[in-house]
């Protein structure tokens, strides 16, 4: 059974930052299953995007001019265009990711009695869960618009999404528990589909390096707890270094450089900046371990990329459905605890089960899981 899918997702490459690779590869593999897809997404200025997929229509909109105002700028613009487009196009499934769909959720709330098209709400995290787990700390460290506008609208978006969706997809069991606790979503509407990885790009066949290199890939902000990771180097032998790939506000980058300087490890921290997704495999391959000590996550794509590359991972801030060989969790990731765990994992020569990742976490497998959810909605 094939479907005509309208995907609404803010993050889409290029650039390949954050969530962007996930919807791209999911869409690519859903197309291979015989579905027809139209994607409504955000577009970074001068990025060279949006990235195209043969046979998929990509409709993009300029991203927020200032962080925190996406739901007041790009989202309403996209929604108005989407509703106009919808008049002339047939759709079987609305697949809406995150808060970008706020006004689509509102439309379905007001006019769902008229528009019976099933809506699937895809949660990569929950705003209420993020606030609760970090005791509001990560929110308080955000900028003015994020703290005073985006968070409030994101909460409204989450609550509307669980009301109007026929199915809610979550990337972790923890996210499901949060949605039930804070948004009172019926459990029967909840489906667990963990994030996937492009195993066609990331694999364990690349020659591995022998350096005691620690790798971090991701946004540079306090929620990711990069400060503690940098500070952990002072408790590790001098032959260990840390390579950081990603970008953030200059003020935060300067902050972690100051931490590195104050703890005497500045020369052991390498800032690579932004690296396009397709060029990341060699960085994973030359590393001894991947570390992401976040305060809160859904299921980071970089964790799966590292595991698919055969690199052990030390992580925090999320949970998974089943244990994965090579993935280790740490509670309360302080610098000293991070260092202790890194030593233990690296010195034990852990083997990562990359075949397990290929079988259960490839985007091909995830597209098939979601296809079954669509079929369930149509049959019921």
Protein backbone atom coordinates (compact mmCIF):
# COMPACT_ATOMS: atom_id res chain seq x y z
CA UNK A 1 0.00 0.00 0.00
CA UNK A 2 1.38 3.42 -0.96
CA UNK A 3 0.43 6.87 0.33
CA UNK A 4 0.43 10.51 -0.72
CA UNK A 5 2.28 12.16 2.16
CA UNK A 6 2.60 15.85 3.04
CA UNK A 7 5.64 16.20 5.33
CA UNK A 8 5.96 19.37 7.41
CA UNK A 9 9.42 19.73 8.94
CA UNK A 10 11.46 22.83 9.79
CA UNK A 11 14.93 21.27 9.62
CA UNK A 12 15.96 20.11 6.17
CA UNK A 13 19.42 20.14 4.58
CA UNK A 14 21.39 22.07 3.61
CA UNK A 15 23.09 22.62 6.01
CA UNK A 16 23.17 19.12 7.52
CA UNK A 17 22.97 20.40 11.09
CA UNK A 18 20.87 19.05 13.92
CA UNK A 19 17.74 17.15 12.92
CA UNK A 20 18.06 17.90 9.18
CA UNK A 21 19.55 14.58 7.98
CA UNK A 22 16.79 12.53 9.68
CA UNK A 23 13.75 13.74 7.67
CA UNK A 24 15.86 13.77 4.51
CA UNK A 25 16.85 10.10 4.72
CA UNK A 26 13.41 9.08 6.03
CA UNK A 27 11.79 10.77 3.02
CA UNK A 28 14.28 9.16 0.65
CA UNK A 29 13.45 5.66 1.93
CA UNK A 30 9.70 6.32 2.08
CA UNK A 31 9.92 7.27 -1.60
CA UNK A 32 11.65 3.95 -2.31
CA UNK A 33 8.63 2.20 -0.75
CA UNK A 34 6.45 3.67 -3.50
CA UNK A 35 4.98 6.64 -1.65
CA UNK A 36 4.43 10.10 -3.12
CA UNK A 37 5.82 12.91 -0.95
CA UNK A 38 5.69 16.70 -0.77
CA UNK A 39 7.92 18.34 1.83
CA UNK A 40 7.29 21.77 3.39
CA UNK A 41 10.44 22.93 5.18
CA UNK A 42 12.61 25.80 6.34
CA UNK A 43 15.44 27.09 4.15
CA UNK A 44 18.70 28.63 5.35
CA UNK A 45 19.79 31.67 3.35
CA UNK A 46 22.83 31.00 1.11
CA UNK A 47 23.13 27.39 2.31
CA UNK A 48 22.74 25.84 -1.13
CA UNK A 49 19.58 24.08 -0.01
CA UNK A 50 17.07 22.70 0.06
CA UNK A 51 18.59 19.32 -0.80
CA UNK A 52 16.57 17.58 -3.53
CA UNK A 53 15.37 13.97 -3.73
CA UNK A 54 14.38 12.57 -7.11
CA UNK A 55 10.60 12.38 -7.42
CA UNK A 56 9.95 14.37 -4.21
CA UNK A 57 8.55 17.91 -4.31
CA UNK A 58 10.37 20.24 -1.87
CA UNK A 59 8.66 23.55 -0.98
CA UNK A 60 10.85 25.70 1.27
CA UNK A 61 10.44 28.94 3.21
CA UNK A 62 13.00 31.43 4.62
CA UNK A 63 13.99 30.49 8.16
CA UNK A 64 13.53 32.70 11.21
CA UNK A 65 15.52 35.97 11.07
CA UNK A 66 16.17 35.83 14.84
CA UNK A 67 16.39 32.73 17.02
CA UNK A 68 13.12 32.03 18.81
CA UNK A 69 10.66 33.58 16.36
CA UNK A 70 10.16 30.66 13.96
CA UNK A 71 6.56 30.19 15.13
CA UNK A 72 5.84 33.87 14.42
CA UNK A 73 7.55 34.05 11.03
CA UNK A 74 8.33 30.93 8.97
CA UNK A 75 5.61 28.71 10.47
CA UNK A 76 2.59 30.96 9.67
CA UNK A 77 3.98 31.70 6.19
CA UNK A 78 4.36 27.98 5.51
CA UNK A 79 0.91 27.20 6.92
CA UNK A 80 -0.88 29.75 4.72
CA UNK A 81 0.84 28.39 1.64
CA UNK A 82 0.15 24.79 2.71
CA UNK A 83 -3.59 25.42 3.10
CA UNK A 84 -3.72 27.05 -0.34
CA UNK A 85 -1.71 24.15 -1.84
CA UNK A 86 -3.97 21.62 -0.12
CA UNK A 87 -7.03 22.88 -2.01
CA UNK A 88 -5.53 21.66 -5.31
CA UNK A 89 -3.71 18.51 -4.13
CA UNK A 90 -4.90 15.20 -2.73
CA UNK A 91 -3.19 13.91 0.41
CA UNK A 92 -3.56 10.65 2.34
CA UNK A 93 -1.39 11.52 5.37
CA UNK A 94 -0.24 14.74 7.04
CA UNK A 95 3.08 13.85 8.68
CA UNK A 96 4.01 16.82 10.86
CA UNK A 97 7.30 17.04 12.77
CA UNK A 98 7.54 19.10 15.93
CA UNK A 99 6.51 22.67 16.58
CA UNK A 100 6.76 23.85 12.98
CA UNK A 101 3.25 22.48 12.54
CA UNK A 102 1.63 24.68 15.21
CA UNK A 103 -0.84 26.32 12.81
CA UNK A 104 -1.56 23.06 10.99
CA UNK A 105 -2.48 21.57 14.37
CA UNK A 106 -4.68 24.61 15.03
CA UNK A 107 -6.32 24.21 11.60
CA UNK A 108 -7.07 20.54 12.33
CA UNK A 109 -8.39 21.45 15.78
CA UNK A 110 -10.84 23.95 14.26
CA UNK A 111 -11.69 22.20 11.01
CA UNK A 112 -10.91 18.54 11.60
CA UNK A 113 -14.61 17.79 11.30
CA UNK A 114 -14.31 18.93 7.68
CA UNK A 115 -10.80 17.76 6.77
CA UNK A 116 -10.64 14.07 7.73
CA UNK A 117 -7.08 13.52 6.48
CA UNK A 118 -5.19 11.56 9.19
CA UNK A 119 -2.46 13.58 10.87
CA UNK A 120 0.66 11.97 12.29
CA UNK A 121 2.50 14.12 14.85
CA UNK A 122 6.19 13.22 15.08
CA UNK A 123 7.82 14.20 18.40
CA UNK A 124 11.60 14.40 18.52
CA UNK A 125 11.29 15.70 22.10
CA UNK A 126 8.63 17.25 24.34
CA UNK A 127 8.88 20.83 25.55
CA UNK A 128 7.36 20.02 28.95
CA UNK A 129 9.80 17.14 29.41
CA UNK A 130 12.77 19.31 28.53
CA UNK A 131 11.73 21.92 31.09
CA UNK A 132 11.06 19.33 33.81
CA UNK A 133 14.24 17.29 33.35
CA UNK A 134 16.52 20.33 33.35
CA UNK A 135 14.49 22.11 36.06
CA UNK A 136 14.10 24.94 33.57
CA UNK A 137 17.86 25.48 33.52
CA UNK A 138 18.33 25.05 29.77
CA UNK A 139 15.35 27.34 29.10
CA UNK A 140 16.68 30.05 31.39
CA UNK A 141 19.99 30.02 29.50
CA UNK A 142 18.26 30.54 26.15
CA UNK A 143 17.89 33.91 24.46
CA UNK A 144 15.06 36.36 25.11
CA UNK A 145 12.78 35.24 22.27
CA UNK A 146 13.30 31.55 22.98
CA UNK A 147 12.63 31.95 26.70
CA UNK A 148 9.65 34.30 26.42
CA UNK A 149 7.98 33.37 23.13
CA UNK A 150 9.20 30.12 21.58
CA UNK A 151 8.84 27.99 24.73
CA UNK A 152 5.25 29.10 25.35
CA UNK A 153 4.22 28.54 21.73
CA UNK A 154 6.03 25.19 21.69
CA UNK A 155 4.00 24.03 24.68
CA UNK A 156 0.79 25.07 22.92
CA UNK A 157 1.96 23.26 19.78
CA UNK A 158 2.64 20.03 21.70
CA UNK A 159 -0.76 20.09 23.39
CA UNK A 160 -2.61 20.77 20.14
CA UNK A 161 -0.63 18.05 18.35
CA UNK A 162 -1.66 15.28 20.74
CA UNK A 163 -5.30 16.40 20.49
CA UNK A 164 -5.60 16.39 16.71
CA UNK A 165 -3.18 13.61 15.75
CA UNK A 166 -4.51 10.18 14.87
CA UNK A 167 -1.07 8.82 15.79
CA UNK A 168 1.84 10.31 17.73
CA UNK A 169 5.31 9.03 16.89
CA UNK A 170 8.00 9.41 19.55
CA UNK A 171 11.72 8.76 19.21
CA UNK A 172 12.09 7.37 22.73
CA UNK A 173 10.04 5.70 25.44
CA UNK A 174 11.02 8.58 27.71
CA UNK A 175 9.30 11.00 25.34
CA UNK A 176 6.15 8.84 25.41
CA UNK A 177 6.14 8.86 29.20
CA UNK A 178 6.55 12.65 29.20
CA UNK A 179 3.69 13.13 26.74
CA UNK A 180 1.39 10.93 28.81
CA UNK A 181 2.38 12.66 32.05
CA UNK A 182 2.31 16.29 30.89
CA UNK A 183 -0.07 16.24 27.91
CA UNK A 184 -2.34 13.32 28.90
CA UNK A 185 -2.08 11.74 25.46
CA UNK A 186 -3.86 8.33 25.31
CA UNK A 187 -1.28 5.54 25.25
CA UNK A 188 -3.01 3.86 22.31
CA UNK A 189 -2.13 6.90 20.17
CA UNK A 190 1.58 6.57 21.00
CA UNK A 191 3.99 4.77 18.68
CA UNK A 192 7.70 4.34 19.39
CA UNK A 193 9.89 4.78 16.31
CA UNK A 194 13.44 5.55 17.37
CA UNK A 195 15.67 7.67 15.16
CA UNK A 196 17.53 6.04 12.31
CA UNK A 197 20.91 6.34 10.64
CA UNK A 198 22.00 6.46 7.01
CA UNK A 199 23.93 3.20 7.04
CA UNK A 200 24.68 3.77 3.36
CA UNK A 201 26.86 6.70 4.51
CA UNK A 202 28.11 5.56 7.92
CA UNK A 203 29.64 2.11 8.26
CA UNK A 204 32.40 0.31 10.16
CA UNK A 205 34.53 -0.52 7.13
CA UNK A 206 36.60 2.68 7.20
CA UNK A 207 40.12 2.19 8.57
CA UNK A 208 40.10 3.06 12.26
CA UNK A 209 42.60 5.44 13.83
CA UNK A 210 44.64 4.51 16.88
CA UNK A 211 44.71 7.88 18.62
CA UNK A 212 43.08 8.40 22.00
CA UNK A 213 40.72 10.88 20.39
CA UNK A 214 37.35 11.81 21.89
CA UNK A 215 34.76 13.10 19.43
CA UNK A 216 31.75 15.37 19.92
CA UNK A 217 29.41 16.27 17.05
CA UNK A 218 26.44 18.56 17.59
CA UNK A 219 25.23 22.01 18.51
CA UNK A 220 27.34 24.00 20.93
CA UNK A 221 25.05 25.03 23.77
CA UNK A 222 24.52 24.43 27.48
CA UNK A 223 21.81 21.77 26.96
CA UNK A 224 24.47 19.59 25.35
CA UNK A 225 26.66 20.04 28.45
CA UNK A 226 29.73 20.66 26.30
CA UNK A 227 31.31 22.56 29.19
CA UNK A 228 31.56 19.41 31.31
CA UNK A 229 32.97 17.41 28.40
CA UNK A 230 35.73 19.97 27.83
CA UNK A 231 36.50 20.14 31.57
CA UNK A 232 36.72 16.33 31.75
CA UNK A 233 40.01 16.41 29.82
CA UNK A 234 41.85 17.61 32.93
CA UNK A 235 41.16 14.21 34.54
CA UNK A 236 42.42 12.22 31.54
CA UNK A 237 46.01 11.40 30.49
CA UNK A 238 47.62 14.00 28.23
CA UNK A 239 47.46 11.69 25.19
CA UNK A 240 43.68 12.13 25.10
CA UNK A 241 42.35 15.01 23.03
CA UNK A 242 38.85 16.23 22.18
CA UNK A 243 37.66 17.07 18.68
CA UNK A 244 34.51 19.24 18.57
CA UNK A 245 32.43 19.41 15.39
CA UNK A 246 29.51 21.81 15.30
CA UNK A 247 28.71 25.43 15.78
CA UNK A 248 27.05 27.75 18.23
CA UNK A 249 26.92 31.35 19.27
CA UNK A 250 30.35 32.99 19.49
CA UNK A 251 29.74 33.83 23.15
CA UNK A 252 29.27 30.16 24.03
CA UNK A 253 32.27 29.02 21.99
CA UNK A 254 34.38 31.61 23.82
CA UNK A 255 32.99 30.32 27.12
CA UNK A 256 34.10 26.74 26.51
CA UNK A 257 37.49 27.98 25.29
CA UNK A 258 37.84 29.82 28.59
CA UNK A 259 36.97 26.63 30.47
CA UNK A 260 39.60 24.77 28.45
CA UNK A 261 42.16 27.46 29.21
CA UNK A 262 41.33 27.57 32.92
CA UNK A 263 41.62 23.78 33.25
CA UNK A 264 44.88 23.67 31.27
CA UNK A 265 43.57 21.64 28.32
CA UNK A 266 43.15 24.28 25.61
CA UNK A 267 45.85 22.72 23.41
CA UNK A 268 44.04 19.37 23.58
CA UNK A 269 40.71 20.74 22.29
CA UNK A 270 40.30 20.97 18.51
CA UNK A 271 37.42 23.04 17.12
CA UNK A 272 36.54 21.85 13.62
CA UNK A 273 33.43 24.00 13.15
CA UNK A 274 30.68 22.81 10.80
CA UNK A 275 31.35 19.64 8.79
CA UNK A 276 28.82 18.48 6.21
CA UNK A 277 27.14 15.18 7.09
CA UNK A 278 28.61 13.23 4.18
CA UNK A 279 32.15 14.14 5.31
CA UNK A 280 31.71 12.98 8.93
CA UNK A 281 32.49 9.24 8.56
CA UNK A 282 36.26 9.73 8.62
CA UNK A 283 36.01 11.75 11.84
CA UNK A 284 34.11 8.95 13.55
CA UNK A 285 36.58 6.37 12.21
CA UNK A 286 39.66 8.13 13.58
CA UNK A 287 38.15 8.47 17.08
CA UNK A 288 38.40 6.15 20.06
CA UNK A 289 35.03 7.15 21.53
CA UNK A 290 32.08 9.46 20.88
CA UNK A 291 30.73 11.42 23.86
CA UNK A 292 27.50 13.43 24.14
CA UNK A 293 26.77 14.24 27.83
CA UNK A 294 23.51 16.15 27.24
CA UNK A 295 21.08 17.26 29.92
CA UNK A 296 18.17 16.30 27.64
CA UNK A 297 17.77 14.61 24.24
CA UNK A 298 15.31 12.67 22.09
CA UNK A 299 17.56 10.11 20.41
CA UNK A 300 20.49 11.97 18.80
CA UNK A 301 21.29 10.97 15.22
CA UNK A 302 24.99 11.41 15.97
CA UNK A 303 24.84 8.56 18.51
CA UNK A 304 23.61 6.19 15.79
CA UNK A 305 26.14 7.54 13.30
CA UNK A 306 28.96 6.76 15.71
CA UNK A 307 27.65 3.27 16.46
CA UNK A 308 27.14 2.53 12.76
CA UNK A 309 30.77 3.56 12.28
CA UNK A 310 31.87 1.03 14.91
CA UNK A 311 32.72 3.64 17.56
CA UNK A 312 31.58 3.18 21.21
CA UNK A 313 29.40 5.95 22.63
CA UNK A 314 29.08 7.51 26.08
CA UNK A 315 25.81 9.46 26.34
CA UNK A 316 23.18 10.90 28.65
CA UNK A 317 19.83 12.65 28.54
CA UNK A 318 17.79 9.95 26.79
CA UNK A 319 16.88 6.27 26.84
CA UNK A 320 16.47 3.54 24.20
CA UNK A 321 14.06 0.65 23.64
CA UNK A 322 16.65 -2.15 23.79
CA UNK A 323 20.33 -2.26 24.83
CA UNK A 324 22.83 -1.70 22.02
CA UNK A 325 26.32 -3.16 22.28
CA UNK A 326 28.76 -0.26 22.48
CA UNK A 327 26.30 2.35 23.83
CA UNK A 328 26.92 3.38 27.45
CA UNK A 329 24.87 5.79 29.55
CA UNK A 330 26.04 8.09 32.31
CA UNK A 331 23.89 9.77 34.97
CA UNK A 332 24.74 13.24 36.26
CA UNK A 333 27.61 13.71 33.79
CA UNK A 334 30.11 15.78 35.78
CA UNK A 335 33.63 16.28 34.36
CA UNK A 336 35.21 13.75 36.70
CA UNK A 337 32.54 11.10 35.99
CA UNK A 338 32.79 11.65 32.24
CA UNK A 339 36.56 11.15 32.37
CA UNK A 340 36.28 8.00 34.49
CA UNK A 341 33.77 6.45 32.07
CA UNK A 342 35.82 7.38 29.01
CA UNK A 343 38.87 5.61 30.44
CA UNK A 344 36.89 2.50 31.35
CA UNK A 345 35.27 2.21 27.90
CA UNK A 346 38.39 2.94 25.83
CA UNK A 347 40.62 0.63 27.85
CA UNK A 348 38.14 -2.26 27.62
CA UNK A 349 38.28 -2.30 23.76
CA UNK A 350 34.50 -2.53 23.45
CA UNK A 351 33.11 -4.05 20.25
CA UNK A 352 30.14 -2.29 18.67
CA UNK A 353 27.48 -4.44 17.00
CA UNK A 354 27.16 -2.45 13.76
CA UNK A 355 25.12 -5.24 12.14
CA UNK A 356 22.43 -4.67 14.77
CA UNK A 357 22.36 -0.98 13.83
CA UNK A 358 22.00 -1.87 10.15
CA UNK A 359 19.11 -4.27 10.82
CA UNK A 360 17.07 -2.21 13.29
CA UNK A 361 18.18 1.43 12.94
CA UNK A 362 18.76 2.01 9.22
CA UNK A 363 16.38 4.50 7.64
CA UNK A 364 15.11 1.68 5.47
CA UNK A 365 13.95 -0.13 8.61
CA UNK A 366 12.46 3.07 10.08
CA UNK A 367 10.54 3.85 6.88
CA UNK A 368 9.03 0.36 7.03
CA UNK A 369 8.01 0.88 10.69
CA UNK A 370 6.26 4.14 9.82
CA UNK A 371 4.60 2.56 6.78
CA UNK A 372 2.91 0.08 9.14
CA UNK A 373 1.61 2.98 11.24
CA UNK A 374 0.10 4.60 8.14
CA UNK A 375 -1.55 1.29 7.20
CA UNK A 376 -2.94 0.98 10.75
CA UNK A 377 -4.50 4.45 10.47
CA UNK A 378 -6.11 3.72 7.11
CA UNK A 379 -7.46 0.34 8.23
CA UNK A 380 -8.93 1.80 11.41
